[in-house]
Amino acid sequence: MTSLRDLPFEQTPPLALFGLDRDGDVPVDHEHTRYGWCVLPGVELVGEDQALWVESPLVLALHSPDEDEIAVPRRGGVPSDINLEFTLSPEDSAIALLSEFLGTRVPAIVGDARTIVLALCNPRRARISKPPALAGRRLYYGTGDVVAWLRRRPHATDWSLAGDAFVQLESARWHSC
């Protein structure tokens, strides 16, 4: 593998991408390392004193390693980027900066999506900037751990995303740029 363009980053069915159980309200394991993207009918972003409903987002599910492999840029002492880890096999992974990934890979998959949501843990509370290639689109990102839940509307009878269920992403706080 010689570039970010070579990394596998595929469209994946949402429930498989987030590791959600169709038969119950089960959170994703914190060591969840799947990555890919999907388009959802909507997603609820929940943070401390915050709940946002985002219609028809492109959701990028990414993984940040527990330790910084690459020093990240800082603005005013606060990280302005996040390391991403792409597990290629049990023995091999690739590390890249989020800013480079967003600028290199996302423009080819964004299509007509006006809103992008990063399902990505951000334990160092980095302040993310949108790359120029995504100008005119809103980008949401969380701080702290991001946990995915499968939720159902009140009085729902099924767990289908086309019906009464929806994905909820929980983080300490959601920001947009």
Protein backbone atom coordinates (compact mmCIF):
# COMPACT_ATOMS: atom_id res chain seq x y z
CA MET A 1 0.00 0.00 0.00
CA THR A 2 1.56 3.25 -1.08
CA SER A 3 -1.12 5.92 -0.58
CA LEU A 4 -4.38 6.82 1.16
CA ARG A 5 -6.18 6.05 -2.09
CA ASP A 6 -5.11 2.41 -1.73
CA LEU A 7 -6.79 1.96 1.68
CA PRO A 8 -10.01 -0.02 1.56
CA PHE A 9 -12.88 2.30 2.54
CA GLU A 10 -16.12 0.82 1.32
CA GLN A 11 -19.80 1.58 1.54
CA THR A 12 -21.14 -0.77 4.22
CA PRO A 13 -24.68 -1.52 5.44
CA PRO A 14 -25.23 0.75 8.48
CA LEU A 15 -25.98 -1.88 11.11
CA ALA A 16 -22.91 -3.90 10.11
CA LEU A 17 -20.76 -0.76 9.97
CA PHE A 18 -21.69 0.27 13.52
CA GLY A 19 -21.79 -3.29 14.90
CA LEU A 20 -25.40 -2.82 16.03
CA ASP A 21 -27.64 -5.70 17.07
CA ARG A 22 -30.98 -5.73 15.25
CA ASP A 23 -32.62 -7.59 18.15
CA GLY A 24 -31.93 -5.12 20.91
CA ASP A 25 -30.48 -1.89 22.11
CA VAL A 26 -26.84 -2.94 22.43
CA PRO A 27 -23.96 -0.42 22.34
CA VAL A 28 -20.92 -0.96 20.19
CA ASP A 29 -17.86 -2.33 21.97
CA HIS A 30 -15.39 0.51 22.63
CA GLU A 31 -12.74 -1.48 20.75
CA HIS A 32 -14.86 -1.38 17.60
CA THR A 33 -12.40 -0.94 14.70
CA ARG A 34 -14.62 -1.26 11.62
CA TYR A 35 -14.44 1.58 9.15
CA GLY A 36 -16.33 2.56 6.04
CA TRP A 37 -19.23 4.77 5.10
CA CYS A 38 -22.99 4.75 4.70
CA VAL A 39 -25.87 7.08 4.00
CA LEU A 40 -28.62 7.13 6.61
CA PRO A 41 -32.18 8.48 6.38
CA GLY A 42 -31.28 10.45 9.50
CA VAL A 43 -29.10 10.21 12.59
CA GLU A 44 -29.53 11.60 16.09
CA LEU A 45 -26.42 13.21 17.58
CA VAL A 46 -26.60 13.27 21.38
CA GLY A 47 -24.20 15.06 23.70
CA GLU A 48 -24.29 16.66 27.13
CA ASP A 49 -27.32 19.00 27.05
CA GLN A 50 -27.59 18.47 23.32
CA ALA A 51 -29.68 16.46 20.83
CA LEU A 52 -29.56 17.15 17.10
CA TRP A 53 -31.40 15.37 14.31
CA VAL A 54 -29.46 15.34 11.04
CA GLU A 55 -31.36 14.44 7.87
CA SER A 56 -29.80 12.21 5.18
CA PRO A 57 -26.15 12.41 6.24
CA LEU A 58 -23.18 10.68 4.75
CA VAL A 59 -21.68 8.98 7.82
CA LEU A 60 -17.98 8.15 7.91
CA ALA A 61 -17.18 5.50 10.49
CA LEU A 62 -13.51 5.77 11.40
CA HIS A 63 -11.25 4.58 14.20
CA SER A 64 -8.65 6.51 16.17
CA PRO A 65 -5.86 4.49 17.81
CA ASP A 66 -5.42 4.52 21.58
CA GLU A 67 -1.99 6.11 21.24
CA ASP A 68 -0.87 8.87 18.87
CA GLU A 69 1.31 7.25 16.22
CA ILE A 70 1.92 10.53 14.40
CA ALA A 71 2.33 13.89 16.12
CA VAL A 72 -0.75 15.96 15.27
CA PRO A 73 -0.79 19.68 14.52
CA ARG A 74 -1.99 21.99 17.31
CA ARG A 75 -3.67 25.40 17.39
CA GLY A 76 -3.40 27.27 20.68
CA GLY A 77 -2.27 24.09 22.42
CA VAL A 78 -5.34 22.13 21.25
CA PRO A 79 -5.00 19.31 18.70
CA SER A 80 -6.32 20.29 15.27
CA ASP A 81 -6.18 16.82 13.76
CA ILE A 82 -6.77 13.18 14.70
CA ASN A 83 -4.77 10.07 13.89
CA LEU A 84 -6.82 7.39 12.13
CA GLU A 85 -6.05 3.69 12.27
CA PHE A 86 -7.10 1.33 9.49
CA THR A 87 -6.81 -2.30 10.58
CA LEU A 88 -5.84 -4.22 7.46
CA SER A 89 -5.27 -7.61 9.11
CA PRO A 90 -4.73 -8.85 12.67
CA GLU A 91 -1.01 -8.09 12.25
CA ASP A 92 -1.07 -4.98 10.08
CA SER A 93 -2.61 -1.51 10.23
CA ALA A 94 -2.11 1.85 8.57
CA ILE A 95 -2.07 5.24 10.33
CA ALA A 96 -3.11 8.50 8.63
CA LEU A 97 -4.19 11.97 9.66
CA LEU A 98 -7.91 12.75 9.46
CA SER A 99 -7.23 15.98 7.54
CA GLU A 100 -5.33 14.07 4.84
CA PHE A 101 -8.01 11.38 4.67
CA LEU A 102 -10.84 13.93 4.36
CA GLY A 103 -9.03 15.81 1.61
CA THR A 104 -7.97 12.70 -0.30
CA ARG A 105 -10.75 10.12 0.00
CA VAL A 106 -14.00 11.85 0.91
CA PRO A 107 -14.51 14.05 -2.19
CA ALA A 108 -14.86 10.91 -4.33
CA ILE A 109 -17.65 9.44 -2.16
CA VAL A 110 -19.54 12.50 -0.93
CA GLY A 111 -21.81 12.73 -3.99
CA ASP A 112 -24.70 15.13 -3.38
CA ALA A 113 -24.65 14.73 0.42
CA ARG A 114 -24.91 18.16 2.03
CA THR A 115 -24.07 16.88 5.51
CA ILE A 116 -21.24 14.63 6.70
CA VAL A 117 -21.08 13.07 10.15
CA LEU A 118 -17.86 11.63 11.56
CA ALA A 119 -18.51 8.58 13.73
CA LEU A 120 -15.04 8.85 15.24
CA CYS A 121 -13.75 8.92 18.81
CA ASN A 122 -11.95 12.16 19.58
CA PRO A 123 -10.47 11.61 23.07
CA ARG A 124 -8.09 14.60 22.85
CA ARG A 125 -10.98 16.89 21.88
CA ALA A 126 -9.33 18.04 18.65
CA ARG A 127 -10.85 21.01 16.84
CA ILE A 128 -11.47 19.78 13.32
CA SER A 129 -11.40 21.97 10.22
CA LYS A 130 -13.23 21.12 7.05
CA PRO A 131 -10.95 20.70 4.01
CA PRO A 132 -11.54 23.03 1.04
CA ALA A 133 -12.79 20.06 -1.02
CA LEU A 134 -15.86 19.89 1.27
CA ALA A 135 -16.76 23.59 1.08
CA GLY A 136 -20.51 24.19 1.10
CA ARG A 137 -21.20 21.07 3.18
CA ARG A 138 -21.69 20.83 6.94
CA LEU A 139 -19.35 18.49 8.82
CA TYR A 140 -20.31 17.23 12.31
CA TYR A 141 -17.78 15.70 14.71
CA GLY A 142 -17.88 14.71 18.37
CA THR A 143 -15.47 15.07 21.25
CA GLY A 144 -14.64 12.21 23.60
CA ASP A 145 -15.79 8.69 22.80
CA VAL A 146 -18.46 8.24 20.15
CA VAL A 147 -20.83 5.34 20.80
CA ALA A 148 -23.45 4.10 18.32
CA TRP A 149 -26.88 2.90 19.43
CA LEU A 150 -29.83 1.47 17.54
CA ARG A 151 -32.96 3.19 18.85
CA ARG A 152 -36.67 2.85 18.13
CA ARG A 153 -39.29 5.53 18.09
CA PRO A 154 -42.00 5.33 20.79
CA HIS A 155 -44.59 2.63 20.05
CA ALA A 156 -42.35 1.17 17.32
CA THR A 157 -42.83 -2.40 16.22
CA ASP A 158 -39.68 -3.07 14.22
CA TRP A 159 -35.91 -2.46 14.22
CA SER A 160 -35.64 -1.49 10.55
CA LEU A 161 -33.90 1.76 9.59
CA ALA A 162 -36.50 2.08 6.84
CA GLY A 163 -39.22 1.86 9.50
CA ASP A 164 -39.26 2.79 13.17
CA ALA A 165 -35.56 2.51 14.09
CA PHE A 166 -32.73 5.01 13.78
CA VAL A 167 -29.04 5.29 14.62
CA GLN A 168 -28.05 7.47 17.53
CA LEU A 169 -24.44 8.61 17.96
CA GLU A 170 -23.55 9.67 21.47
CA SER A 171 -20.54 11.84 22.34
CA ALA A 172 -19.58 14.30 25.04
CA ARG A 173 -20.34 17.20 22.66
CA TRP A 174 -21.06 17.63 18.95
CA HIS A 175 -19.54 20.41 16.88
CA SER A 176 -19.92 21.44 13.26
CA CYS A 177 -17.82 23.27 10.73
